[in-house]
Amino acid sequence: MNSKTKSKVIYIVLALVFVVLIAVSVISYNFLSEKFSSENTEQSQEHSENNTVSAPEFTVLDAQGSQVKLSDFTGKPVIINFWATWCGPCKSELGAFDNMYRKYGDDVEFMMVNLTDGYRETVQGVSEFVSENKYGFPVYFDTESSGAYAYSVYSIPFTVMVDANGNVFNAHTGAMSEQTLEKYIVSLLETVE
């Protein structure tokens, strides 16, 4: 076997090894994605009677460009959901949030806070997405990352439940089913006097 043939064999073997590694990586990723899907990775911080942590204040923009603060809703329970249109798990739960908004929107304030960075997420693009999907919940734009910083949002979707007194009642990382979201809302409403 001459040196040219040896070189070709080595390249072919390396290419095959590379293809096998890619295939194993894809299979592993798909397996782990299914195993640790949004419903399986739900994490929550349960409310206890001694939990009186004040919900951190933040300011976002509404659809008209006006500033809105969390404290504007004091006296009413608030569901804060941090999300983005590029986030698959976020999009998977938006229908549940819309249904719960339509059912409980008179009793609970919904703050659907979009992480609007001005590049991947723009006010116009998000507004079009919400309109195309006919979502009725109010969308707020976190253009200055005020909410993301206040709640140390490192993974989305991330949902925080705030009681009528302005205290954090519960928090949940990961997408939620409609049933899970409704359980949180019902528990939150039980705290209203």
N, C-alpha and C. Protein backbone atom coordinates (compact mmCIF):
# COMPACT_ATOMS: atom_id res chain seq x y z
N MET A 1 0.85 -1.16 0.00
CA MET A 1 0.00 0.00 0.00
C MET A 1 0.90 1.23 0.00
N ASN A 2 0.69 2.10 -0.94
CA ASN A 2 1.56 3.28 -1.00
C ASN A 2 1.02 4.37 -0.07
N SER A 3 1.76 5.45 0.05
CA SER A 3 1.41 6.51 1.00
C SER A 3 0.13 7.24 0.62
N LYS A 4 -0.16 7.37 -0.70
CA LYS A 4 -1.40 8.03 -1.11
C LYS A 4 -2.61 7.19 -0.70
N THR A 5 -2.52 5.90 -0.88
CA THR A 5 -3.61 5.01 -0.51
C THR A 5 -3.81 5.03 1.00
N LYS A 6 -2.72 5.01 1.76
CA LYS A 6 -2.81 5.07 3.23
C LYS A 6 -3.49 6.36 3.67
N SER A 7 -3.15 7.46 3.03
CA SER A 7 -3.75 8.76 3.37
C SER A 7 -5.25 8.74 3.10
N LYS A 8 -5.65 8.16 1.97
CA LYS A 8 -7.07 8.07 1.64
C LYS A 8 -7.82 7.22 2.65
N VAL A 9 -7.23 6.09 3.04
CA VAL A 9 -7.85 5.20 4.03
C VAL A 9 -8.01 5.93 5.36
N ILE A 10 -6.98 6.66 5.75
CA ILE A 10 -7.04 7.40 7.02
C ILE A 10 -8.14 8.45 6.96
N TYR A 11 -8.25 9.19 5.86
CA TYR A 11 -9.30 10.20 5.71
C TYR A 11 -10.69 9.57 5.74
N ILE A 12 -10.82 8.42 5.08
CA ILE A 12 -12.12 7.74 5.07
C ILE A 12 -12.49 7.28 6.47
N VAL A 13 -11.53 6.71 7.19
CA VAL A 13 -11.79 6.26 8.56
C VAL A 13 -12.15 7.45 9.46
N LEU A 14 -11.41 8.54 9.33
CA LEU A 14 -11.71 9.74 10.13
C LEU A 14 -13.10 10.29 9.80
N ALA A 15 -13.45 10.30 8.51
CA ALA A 15 -14.77 10.78 8.10
C ALA A 15 -15.87 9.89 8.69
N LEU A 16 -15.66 8.57 8.66
CA LEU A 16 -16.65 7.65 9.24
C LEU A 16 -16.79 7.86 10.74
N VAL A 17 -15.68 8.04 11.42
CA VAL A 17 -15.71 8.29 12.87
C VAL A 17 -16.48 9.58 13.15
N PHE A 18 -16.22 10.60 12.35
CA PHE A 18 -16.91 11.88 12.52
C PHE A 18 -18.42 11.72 12.31
N VAL A 19 -18.82 10.99 11.28
CA VAL A 19 -20.24 10.76 11.00
C VAL A 19 -20.88 9.99 12.15
N VAL A 20 -20.20 8.99 12.66
CA VAL A 20 -20.73 8.21 13.78
C VAL A 20 -20.90 9.10 15.01
N LEU A 21 -19.91 9.96 15.28
CA LEU A 21 -20.02 10.87 16.43
C LEU A 21 -21.20 11.82 16.28
N ILE A 22 -21.40 12.34 15.10
CA ILE A 22 -22.54 13.24 14.85
C ILE A 22 -23.85 12.48 15.07
N ALA A 23 -23.94 11.27 14.54
CA ALA A 23 -25.16 10.47 14.68
C ALA A 23 -25.45 10.18 16.15
N VAL A 24 -24.43 9.79 16.90
CA VAL A 24 -24.60 9.52 18.33
C VAL A 24 -25.04 10.78 19.06
N SER A 25 -24.46 11.91 18.69
CA SER A 25 -24.83 13.18 19.33
C SER A 25 -26.29 13.53 19.07
N VAL A 26 -26.74 13.37 17.84
CA VAL A 26 -28.12 13.68 17.49
C VAL A 26 -29.08 12.75 18.22
N ILE A 27 -28.78 11.47 18.23
CA ILE A 27 -29.63 10.49 18.93
C ILE A 27 -29.68 10.79 20.42
N SER A 28 -28.53 11.08 21.01
CA SER A 28 -28.47 11.41 22.44
C SER A 28 -29.27 12.67 22.75
N TYR A 29 -29.12 13.68 21.91
CA TYR A 29 -29.85 14.93 22.12
C TYR A 29 -31.36 14.69 22.07
N ASN A 30 -31.81 13.96 21.06
CA ASN A 30 -33.24 13.68 20.94
C ASN A 30 -33.75 12.88 22.12
N PHE A 31 -32.98 11.90 22.56
CA PHE A 31 -33.38 11.08 23.71
C PHE A 31 -33.49 11.94 24.96
N LEU A 32 -32.47 12.75 25.21
CA LEU A 32 -32.47 13.59 26.40
C LEU A 32 -33.55 14.67 26.33
N SER A 33 -33.80 15.19 25.14
CA SER A 33 -34.85 16.20 24.99
C SER A 33 -36.21 15.62 25.35
N GLU A 34 -36.46 14.39 24.90
CA GLU A 34 -37.73 13.74 25.24
C GLU A 34 -37.79 13.42 26.72
N LYS A 35 -36.69 12.89 27.25
CA LYS A 35 -36.67 12.48 28.65
C LYS A 35 -36.86 13.66 29.58
N PHE A 36 -36.26 14.78 29.22
CA PHE A 36 -36.33 15.96 30.07
C PHE A 36 -37.15 17.06 29.41
N SER A 37 -38.30 16.68 28.85
CA SER A 37 -39.18 17.65 28.21
C SER A 37 -39.73 18.61 29.25
N SER A 38 -40.42 19.64 28.79
CA SER A 38 -40.88 20.71 29.67
C SER A 38 -41.73 20.20 30.84
N GLU A 39 -42.62 19.25 30.61
CA GLU A 39 -43.44 18.77 31.71
C GLU A 39 -42.62 17.99 32.72
N ASN A 40 -41.55 17.32 32.26
CA ASN A 40 -40.74 16.53 33.18
C ASN A 40 -39.74 17.39 33.94
N THR A 41 -39.45 18.57 33.44
CA THR A 41 -38.46 19.42 34.11
C THR A 41 -39.12 20.55 34.86
N GLU A 42 -40.41 20.45 35.08
CA GLU A 42 -41.07 21.49 35.84
C GLU A 42 -40.43 21.61 37.21
N GLN A 43 -40.17 22.83 37.56
CA GLN A 43 -39.63 23.09 38.88
C GLN A 43 -40.46 24.20 39.48
N SER A 44 -40.82 24.05 40.71
CA SER A 44 -41.57 25.12 41.35
C SER A 44 -41.04 25.35 42.75
N GLN A 45 -41.31 26.53 43.23
CA GLN A 45 -40.97 26.88 44.59
C GLN A 45 -42.29 27.06 45.30
N GLU A 46 -42.63 26.12 46.17
CA GLU A 46 -43.94 26.14 46.79
C GLU A 46 -44.06 27.24 47.83
N HIS A 47 -45.26 27.77 47.94
CA HIS A 47 -45.59 28.79 48.92
C HIS A 47 -45.73 28.14 50.28
N SER A 48 -45.27 28.82 51.29
CA SER A 48 -45.52 28.37 52.65
C SER A 48 -46.13 29.53 53.41
N GLU A 49 -46.75 29.25 54.53
CA GLU A 49 -47.41 30.30 55.30
C GLU A 49 -46.43 31.38 55.75
N ASN A 50 -45.16 31.03 55.92
CA ASN A 50 -44.16 31.99 56.37
C ASN A 50 -43.50 32.74 55.22
N ASN A 51 -43.89 32.46 54.00
CA ASN A 51 -43.28 33.09 52.84
C ASN A 51 -43.87 34.48 52.63
N THR A 52 -43.09 35.49 52.97
CA THR A 52 -43.54 36.86 52.78
C THR A 52 -42.47 37.64 52.02
N VAL A 53 -41.90 37.00 51.03
CA VAL A 53 -40.90 37.65 50.20
C VAL A 53 -41.61 38.59 49.23
N SER A 54 -41.29 39.86 49.31
CA SER A 54 -41.90 40.83 48.40
C SER A 54 -41.45 40.56 46.97
N ALA A 55 -42.39 40.64 46.07
CA ALA A 55 -42.06 40.46 44.65
C ALA A 55 -41.24 41.66 44.19
N PRO A 56 -40.09 41.41 43.58
CA PRO A 56 -39.27 42.53 43.10
C PRO A 56 -40.01 43.38 42.06
N GLU A 57 -39.87 44.68 42.20
CA GLU A 57 -40.49 45.63 41.28
C GLU A 57 -39.75 45.63 39.94
N PHE A 58 -40.44 45.85 38.87
CA PHE A 58 -39.81 46.03 37.57
C PHE A 58 -40.75 46.84 36.68
N THR A 59 -40.21 47.38 35.62
CA THR A 59 -40.97 48.21 34.69
C THR A 59 -40.82 47.66 33.28
N VAL A 60 -41.94 47.55 32.58
CA VAL A 60 -41.97 47.07 31.19
C VAL A 60 -42.84 48.04 30.38
N LEU A 61 -42.93 47.79 29.10
CA LEU A 61 -43.77 48.61 28.23
C LEU A 61 -44.99 47.82 27.79
N ASP A 62 -46.14 48.49 27.72
CA ASP A 62 -47.33 47.81 27.19
C ASP A 62 -47.37 47.98 25.67
N ALA A 63 -48.41 47.50 25.05
CA ALA A 63 -48.51 47.53 23.58
C ALA A 63 -48.54 48.95 23.01
N GLN A 64 -48.94 49.93 23.83
CA GLN A 64 -48.96 51.32 23.38
C GLN A 64 -47.65 52.05 23.68
N GLY A 65 -46.69 51.37 24.30
CA GLY A 65 -45.41 51.98 24.63
C GLY A 65 -45.38 52.69 25.97
N SER A 66 -46.44 52.55 26.76
CA SER A 66 -46.49 53.17 28.09
C SER A 66 -45.81 52.27 29.11
N GLN A 67 -45.18 52.91 30.10
CA GLN A 67 -44.52 52.14 31.15
C GLN A 67 -45.55 51.53 32.10
N VAL A 68 -45.33 50.29 32.47
CA VAL A 68 -46.18 49.57 33.41
C VAL A 68 -45.27 48.94 34.45
N LYS A 69 -45.65 49.09 35.73
CA LYS A 69 -44.88 48.50 36.83
C LYS A 69 -45.70 47.38 37.46
N LEU A 70 -45.01 46.42 38.03
CA LEU A 70 -45.70 45.35 38.74
C LEU A 70 -46.59 45.94 39.83
N SER A 71 -46.10 46.94 40.52
CA SER A 71 -46.86 47.54 41.63
C SER A 71 -48.16 48.19 41.17
N ASP A 72 -48.32 48.43 39.87
CA ASP A 72 -49.59 48.96 39.34
C ASP A 72 -50.74 47.99 39.61
N PHE A 73 -50.42 46.73 39.87
CA PHE A 73 -51.44 45.70 40.05
C PHE A 73 -51.61 45.26 41.50
N THR A 74 -51.01 45.99 42.43
CA THR A 74 -51.14 45.65 43.85
C THR A 74 -52.62 45.63 44.21
N GLY A 75 -53.00 44.62 45.00
CA GLY A 75 -54.39 44.44 45.38
C GLY A 75 -55.07 43.35 44.58
N LYS A 76 -54.36 42.84 43.58
CA LYS A 76 -54.90 41.76 42.74
C LYS A 76 -53.78 40.75 42.51
N PRO A 77 -54.07 39.45 42.55
CA PRO A 77 -53.02 38.46 42.24
C PRO A 77 -52.51 38.65 40.82
N VAL A 78 -51.22 38.34 40.63
CA VAL A 78 -50.59 38.54 39.32
C VAL A 78 -49.84 37.27 38.92
N ILE A 79 -50.02 36.87 37.68
CA ILE A 79 -49.22 35.80 37.07
C ILE A 79 -48.25 36.49 36.12
N ILE A 80 -46.95 36.34 36.37
CA ILE A 80 -45.92 36.91 35.50
C ILE A 80 -45.29 35.76 34.74
N ASN A 81 -45.32 35.83 33.41
CA ASN A 81 -44.70 34.79 32.60
C ASN A 81 -43.65 35.43 31.70
N PHE A 82 -42.40 34.99 31.85
CA PHE A 82 -41.31 35.47 31.00
C PHE A 82 -41.16 34.51 29.84
N TRP A 83 -41.15 35.04 28.61
CA TRP A 83 -41.18 34.19 27.42
C TRP A 83 -40.56 34.91 26.23
N ALA A 84 -40.38 34.15 25.14
CA ALA A 84 -39.89 34.70 23.87
C ALA A 84 -40.45 33.84 22.73
N THR A 85 -40.57 34.44 21.56
CA THR A 85 -41.13 33.70 20.42
C THR A 85 -40.18 32.65 19.88
N TRP A 86 -38.87 32.78 20.13
CA TRP A 86 -37.89 31.81 19.65
C TRP A 86 -37.80 30.59 20.56
N CYS A 87 -38.50 30.62 21.67
CA CYS A 87 -38.44 29.56 22.68
C CYS A 87 -39.58 28.57 22.46
N GLY A 88 -39.24 27.36 22.02
CA GLY A 88 -40.25 26.33 21.77
C GLY A 88 -41.12 26.02 22.98
N PRO A 89 -40.54 25.74 24.16
CA PRO A 89 -41.38 25.47 25.33
C PRO A 89 -42.27 26.65 25.71
N CYS A 90 -41.79 27.87 25.48
CA CYS A 90 -42.62 29.05 25.75
C CYS A 90 -43.85 29.03 24.86
N LYS A 91 -43.62 28.83 23.57
CA LYS A 91 -44.74 28.83 22.62
C LYS A 91 -45.72 27.70 22.92
N SER A 92 -45.21 26.57 23.42
CA SER A 92 -46.08 25.43 23.68
C SER A 92 -47.08 25.70 24.80
N GLU A 93 -46.78 26.64 25.69
CA GLU A 93 -47.69 26.90 26.81
C GLU A 93 -48.54 28.16 26.62
N LEU A 94 -48.32 28.91 25.56
CA LEU A 94 -49.06 30.16 25.38
C LEU A 94 -50.56 29.93 25.22
N GLY A 95 -50.95 28.84 24.59
CA GLY A 95 -52.38 28.52 24.47
C GLY A 95 -53.01 28.31 25.84
N ALA A 96 -52.30 27.65 26.73
CA ALA A 96 -52.81 27.43 28.09
C ALA A 96 -52.95 28.76 28.82
N PHE A 97 -51.97 29.64 28.67
CA PHE A 97 -52.06 30.95 29.30
C PHE A 97 -53.23 31.75 28.74
N ASP A 98 -53.44 31.66 27.45
CA ASP A 98 -54.54 32.39 26.85
C ASP A 98 -55.88 31.86 27.37
N ASN A 99 -56.02 30.55 27.44
CA ASN A 99 -57.27 29.97 27.97
C ASN A 99 -57.50 30.38 29.42
N MET A 100 -56.45 30.36 30.23
CA MET A 100 -56.58 30.73 31.64
C MET A 100 -56.85 32.23 31.79
N TYR A 101 -56.27 33.03 30.89
CA TYR A 101 -56.55 34.47 30.91
C TYR A 101 -58.03 34.71 30.63
N ARG A 102 -58.56 34.00 29.64
CA ARG A 102 -59.97 34.17 29.29
C ARG A 102 -60.89 33.69 30.42
N LYS A 103 -60.44 32.70 31.17
CA LYS A 103 -61.25 32.14 32.26
C LYS A 103 -61.11 32.93 33.56
N TYR A 104 -59.89 33.35 33.90
CA TYR A 104 -59.63 33.99 35.19
C TYR A 104 -59.18 35.45 35.10
N GLY A 105 -59.19 36.02 33.92
CA GLY A 105 -58.66 37.37 33.72
C GLY A 105 -59.33 38.46 34.53
N ASP A 106 -60.56 38.24 35.00
CA ASP A 106 -61.22 39.24 35.84
C ASP A 106 -60.70 39.19 37.27
N ASP A 107 -60.17 38.03 37.68
CA ASP A 107 -59.73 37.84 39.07
C ASP A 107 -58.22 37.89 39.24
N VAL A 108 -57.49 37.62 38.15
CA VAL A 108 -56.03 37.56 38.21
C VAL A 108 -55.46 38.41 37.08
N GLU A 109 -54.44 39.17 37.38
CA GLU A 109 -53.77 39.96 36.34
C GLU A 109 -52.72 39.07 35.67
N PHE A 110 -52.67 39.07 34.37
CA PHE A 110 -51.67 38.30 33.63
C PHE A 110 -50.66 39.27 33.02
N MET A 111 -49.39 39.09 33.36
CA MET A 111 -48.32 39.88 32.76
C MET A 111 -47.47 38.94 31.92
N MET A 112 -47.76 38.88 30.63
CA MET A 112 -47.00 38.04 29.71
C MET A 112 -45.82 38.89 29.23
N VAL A 113 -44.67 38.71 29.91
CA VAL A 113 -43.51 39.57 29.71
C VAL A 113 -42.58 38.97 28.66
N ASN A 114 -42.55 39.60 27.51
CA ASN A 114 -41.68 39.15 26.43
C ASN A 114 -40.28 39.73 26.64
N LEU A 115 -39.27 38.88 26.51
CA LEU A 115 -37.88 39.32 26.65
C LEU A 115 -37.45 39.95 25.33
N THR A 116 -37.78 41.20 25.16
CA THR A 116 -37.62 41.92 23.90
C THR A 116 -36.23 42.53 23.83
N ASP A 117 -35.33 41.88 23.08
CA ASP A 117 -33.94 42.35 23.01
C ASP A 117 -33.68 43.30 21.85
N GLY A 118 -34.66 43.46 20.97
CA GLY A 118 -34.50 44.36 19.84
C GLY A 118 -33.83 43.72 18.63
N TYR A 119 -33.38 42.49 18.77
CA TYR A 119 -32.74 41.77 17.67
C TYR A 119 -33.58 40.56 17.28
N ARG A 120 -33.50 39.50 18.10
CA ARG A 120 -34.33 38.33 17.82
C ARG A 120 -35.79 38.61 18.16
N GLU A 121 -36.00 39.40 19.18
CA GLU A 121 -37.35 39.76 19.63
C GLU A 121 -37.53 41.26 19.48
N THR A 122 -38.47 41.66 18.65
CA THR A 122 -38.77 43.08 18.50
C THR A 122 -40.24 43.29 18.87
N VAL A 123 -40.57 44.50 19.26
CA VAL A 123 -41.95 44.82 19.62
C VAL A 123 -42.87 44.50 18.45
N GLN A 124 -42.49 44.93 17.25
CA GLN A 124 -43.33 44.69 16.08
C GLN A 124 -43.48 43.20 15.78
N GLY A 125 -42.37 42.47 15.80
CA GLY A 125 -42.42 41.04 15.51
C GLY A 125 -43.26 40.27 16.52
N VAL A 126 -43.11 40.60 17.79
CA VAL A 126 -43.88 39.92 18.83
C VAL A 126 -45.36 40.28 18.72
N SER A 127 -45.64 41.56 18.45
CA SER A 127 -47.04 41.99 18.28
C SER A 127 -47.70 41.24 17.14
N GLU A 128 -46.97 41.06 16.04
CA GLU A 128 -47.51 40.31 14.90
C GLU A 128 -47.74 38.85 15.27
N PHE A 129 -46.81 38.26 16.00
CA PHE A 129 -46.93 36.86 16.44
C PHE A 129 -48.18 36.69 17.31
N VAL A 130 -48.39 37.59 18.25
CA VAL A 130 -49.54 37.51 19.16
C VAL A 130 -50.84 37.69 18.37
N SER A 131 -50.84 38.64 17.44
CA SER A 131 -52.03 38.89 16.61
C SER A 131 -52.35 37.69 15.72
N GLU A 132 -51.34 37.13 15.07
CA GLU A 132 -51.55 35.97 14.18
C GLU A 132 -52.13 34.78 14.93
N ASN A 133 -51.71 34.62 16.20
CA ASN A 133 -52.19 33.49 17.00
C ASN A 133 -53.46 33.81 17.78
N LYS A 134 -53.94 35.06 17.64
CA LYS A 134 -55.20 35.49 18.27
C LYS A 134 -55.19 35.34 19.79
N TYR A 135 -54.03 35.59 20.40
CA TYR A 135 -53.95 35.56 21.86
C TYR A 135 -54.59 36.81 22.42
N GLY A 136 -55.35 36.65 23.49
CA GLY A 136 -56.05 37.78 24.09
C GLY A 136 -55.34 38.38 25.30
N PHE A 137 -54.38 37.65 25.86
CA PHE A 137 -53.72 38.15 27.07
C PHE A 137 -52.87 39.39 26.75
N PRO A 138 -52.68 40.24 27.76
CA PRO A 138 -51.85 41.43 27.53
C PRO A 138 -50.37 41.05 27.48
N VAL A 139 -49.67 41.62 26.52
CA VAL A 139 -48.23 41.37 26.37
C VAL A 139 -47.49 42.63 26.79
N TYR A 140 -46.43 42.41 27.57
CA TYR A 140 -45.57 43.50 28.01
C TYR A 140 -44.17 43.24 27.48
N PHE A 141 -43.47 44.31 27.14
CA PHE A 141 -42.18 44.20 26.49
C PHE A 141 -41.07 44.63 27.45
N ASP A 142 -40.19 43.68 27.76
CA ASP A 142 -39.07 43.93 28.69
C ASP A 142 -37.86 44.39 27.87
N THR A 143 -37.97 45.59 27.29
CA THR A 143 -36.94 46.10 26.39
C THR A 143 -35.65 46.49 27.11
N GLU A 144 -35.73 46.75 28.40
CA GLU A 144 -34.55 47.15 29.18
C GLU A 144 -34.08 46.01 30.10
N SER A 145 -34.67 44.84 29.99
CA SER A 145 -34.36 43.66 30.82
C SER A 145 -34.62 43.91 32.30
N SER A 146 -35.50 44.84 32.61
CA SER A 146 -35.83 45.16 34.00
C SER A 146 -36.42 43.95 34.73
N GLY A 147 -37.39 43.30 34.11
CA GLY A 147 -38.00 42.12 34.72
C GLY A 147 -37.06 40.94 34.78
N ALA A 148 -36.31 40.74 33.70
CA ALA A 148 -35.36 39.62 33.65
C ALA A 148 -34.31 39.75 34.75
N TYR A 149 -33.82 40.96 34.98
CA TYR A 149 -32.83 41.17 36.04
C TYR A 149 -33.47 41.05 37.42
N ALA A 150 -34.64 41.63 37.59
CA ALA A 150 -35.31 41.61 38.89
C ALA A 150 -35.58 40.19 39.37
N TYR A 151 -35.88 39.29 38.44
CA TYR A 151 -36.21 37.91 38.80
C TYR A 151 -35.11 36.92 38.43
N SER A 152 -33.95 37.43 38.08
CA SER A 152 -32.80 36.58 37.73
C SER A 152 -33.21 35.48 36.75
N VAL A 153 -33.88 35.88 35.70
CA VAL A 153 -34.37 34.92 34.70
C VAL A 153 -33.19 34.39 33.91
N TYR A 154 -32.91 33.11 34.07
CA TYR A 154 -31.81 32.46 33.36
C TYR A 154 -32.31 31.37 32.42
N SER A 155 -33.58 31.01 32.56
CA SER A 155 -34.17 29.97 31.74
C SER A 155 -35.64 30.33 31.52
N ILE A 156 -36.10 30.18 30.30
CA ILE A 156 -37.51 30.46 30.02
C ILE A 156 -38.14 29.24 29.38
N PRO A 157 -39.44 29.08 29.53
CA PRO A 157 -40.34 29.98 30.23
C PRO A 157 -40.15 29.92 31.74
N PHE A 158 -40.42 31.05 32.37
CA PHE A 158 -40.33 31.18 33.82
C PHE A 158 -41.56 31.95 34.27
N THR A 159 -42.29 31.38 35.22
CA THR A 159 -43.53 31.97 35.68
C THR A 159 -43.47 32.23 37.18
N VAL A 160 -43.91 33.42 37.57
CA VAL A 160 -43.95 33.80 38.98
C VAL A 160 -45.38 34.17 39.32
N MET A 161 -45.86 33.66 40.45
CA MET A 161 -47.19 33.99 40.93
C MET A 161 -47.03 34.95 42.11
N VAL A 162 -47.70 36.07 42.05
CA VAL A 162 -47.62 37.09 43.10
C VAL A 162 -48.99 37.25 43.71
N ASP A 163 -49.07 37.22 45.05
CA ASP A 163 -50.38 37.35 45.69
C ASP A 163 -50.84 38.81 45.69
N ALA A 164 -52.04 39.04 46.14
CA ALA A 164 -52.64 40.38 46.10
C ALA A 164 -51.90 41.38 46.98
N ASN A 165 -51.11 40.87 47.93
CA ASN A 165 -50.32 41.75 48.81
C ASN A 165 -48.96 42.09 48.23
N GLY A 166 -48.65 41.56 47.05
CA GLY A 166 -47.37 41.85 46.43
C GLY A 166 -46.24 40.94 46.85
N ASN A 167 -46.57 39.78 47.42
CA ASN A 167 -45.57 38.81 47.82
C ASN A 167 -45.49 37.67 46.82
N VAL A 168 -44.29 37.12 46.65
CA VAL A 168 -44.12 35.97 45.77
C VAL A 168 -44.85 34.79 46.41
N PHE A 169 -45.79 34.23 45.69
CA PHE A 169 -46.56 33.08 46.17
C PHE A 169 -45.93 31.77 45.70
N ASN A 170 -45.45 31.77 44.46
CA ASN A 170 -44.91 30.56 43.88
C ASN A 170 -44.12 30.94 42.63
N ALA A 171 -43.25 30.04 42.18
CA ALA A 171 -42.51 30.24 40.94
C ALA A 171 -42.36 28.90 40.24
N HIS A 172 -42.26 28.95 38.93
CA HIS A 172 -42.20 27.70 38.15
C HIS A 172 -41.28 27.90 36.94
N THR A 173 -40.32 27.01 36.81
CA THR A 173 -39.42 27.03 35.65
C THR A 173 -39.84 25.92 34.70
N GLY A 174 -39.98 26.24 33.43
CA GLY A 174 -40.37 25.26 32.43
C GLY A 174 -41.80 25.47 31.97
N ALA A 175 -42.12 24.87 30.85
CA ALA A 175 -43.47 24.98 30.30
C ALA A 175 -44.46 24.24 31.18
N MET A 176 -45.68 24.74 31.20
CA MET A 176 -46.73 24.12 32.00
C MET A 176 -47.89 23.69 31.13
N SER A 177 -48.54 22.63 31.56
CA SER A 177 -49.79 22.23 30.92
C SER A 177 -50.88 23.16 31.45
N GLU A 178 -51.99 23.18 30.78
CA GLU A 178 -53.11 24.01 31.23
C GLU A 178 -53.58 23.58 32.62
N GLN A 179 -53.59 22.28 32.88
CA GLN A 179 -54.03 21.78 34.18
C GLN A 179 -53.11 22.26 35.30
N THR A 180 -51.81 22.22 35.06
CA THR A 180 -50.85 22.67 36.06
C THR A 180 -51.02 24.16 36.32
N LEU A 181 -51.14 24.94 35.26
CA LEU A 181 -51.32 26.37 35.41
C LEU A 181 -52.59 26.68 36.18
N GLU A 182 -53.66 25.98 35.87
CA GLU A 182 -54.92 26.23 36.58
C GLU A 182 -54.80 25.90 38.06
N LYS A 183 -54.07 24.85 38.40
CA LYS A 183 -53.87 24.51 39.82
C LYS A 183 -53.17 25.67 40.54
N TYR A 184 -52.14 26.22 39.90
CA TYR A 184 -51.46 27.36 40.49
C TYR A 184 -52.41 28.54 40.68
N ILE A 185 -53.23 28.82 39.68
CA ILE A 185 -54.15 29.95 39.74
C ILE A 185 -55.18 29.75 40.84
N VAL A 186 -55.75 28.55 40.93
CA VAL A 186 -56.74 28.26 41.96
C VAL A 186 -56.11 28.43 43.35
N SER A 187 -54.90 27.92 43.53
CA SER A 187 -54.21 28.07 44.83
C SER A 187 -53.97 29.54 45.14
N LEU A 188 -53.58 30.29 44.14
CA LEU A 188 -53.31 31.71 44.32
C LEU A 188 -54.60 32.45 44.70
N LEU A 189 -55.70 32.11 44.06
CA LEU A 189 -56.96 32.76 44.35
C LEU A 189 -57.48 32.43 45.76
N GLU A 190 -57.10 31.28 46.28
CA GLU A 190 -57.51 30.91 47.64
C GLU A 190 -56.88 31.82 48.69
N THR A 191 -55.84 32.55 48.33
CA THR A 191 -55.19 33.46 49.28
C THR A 191 -55.88 34.82 49.35
N VAL A 192 -56.78 35.08 48.40
CA VAL A 192 -57.47 36.37 48.36
C VAL A 192 -58.55 36.39 49.42
N GLU A 193 -58.54 37.42 50.21
CA GLU A 193 -59.52 37.52 51.30
C GLU A 193 -60.82 38.11 50.85
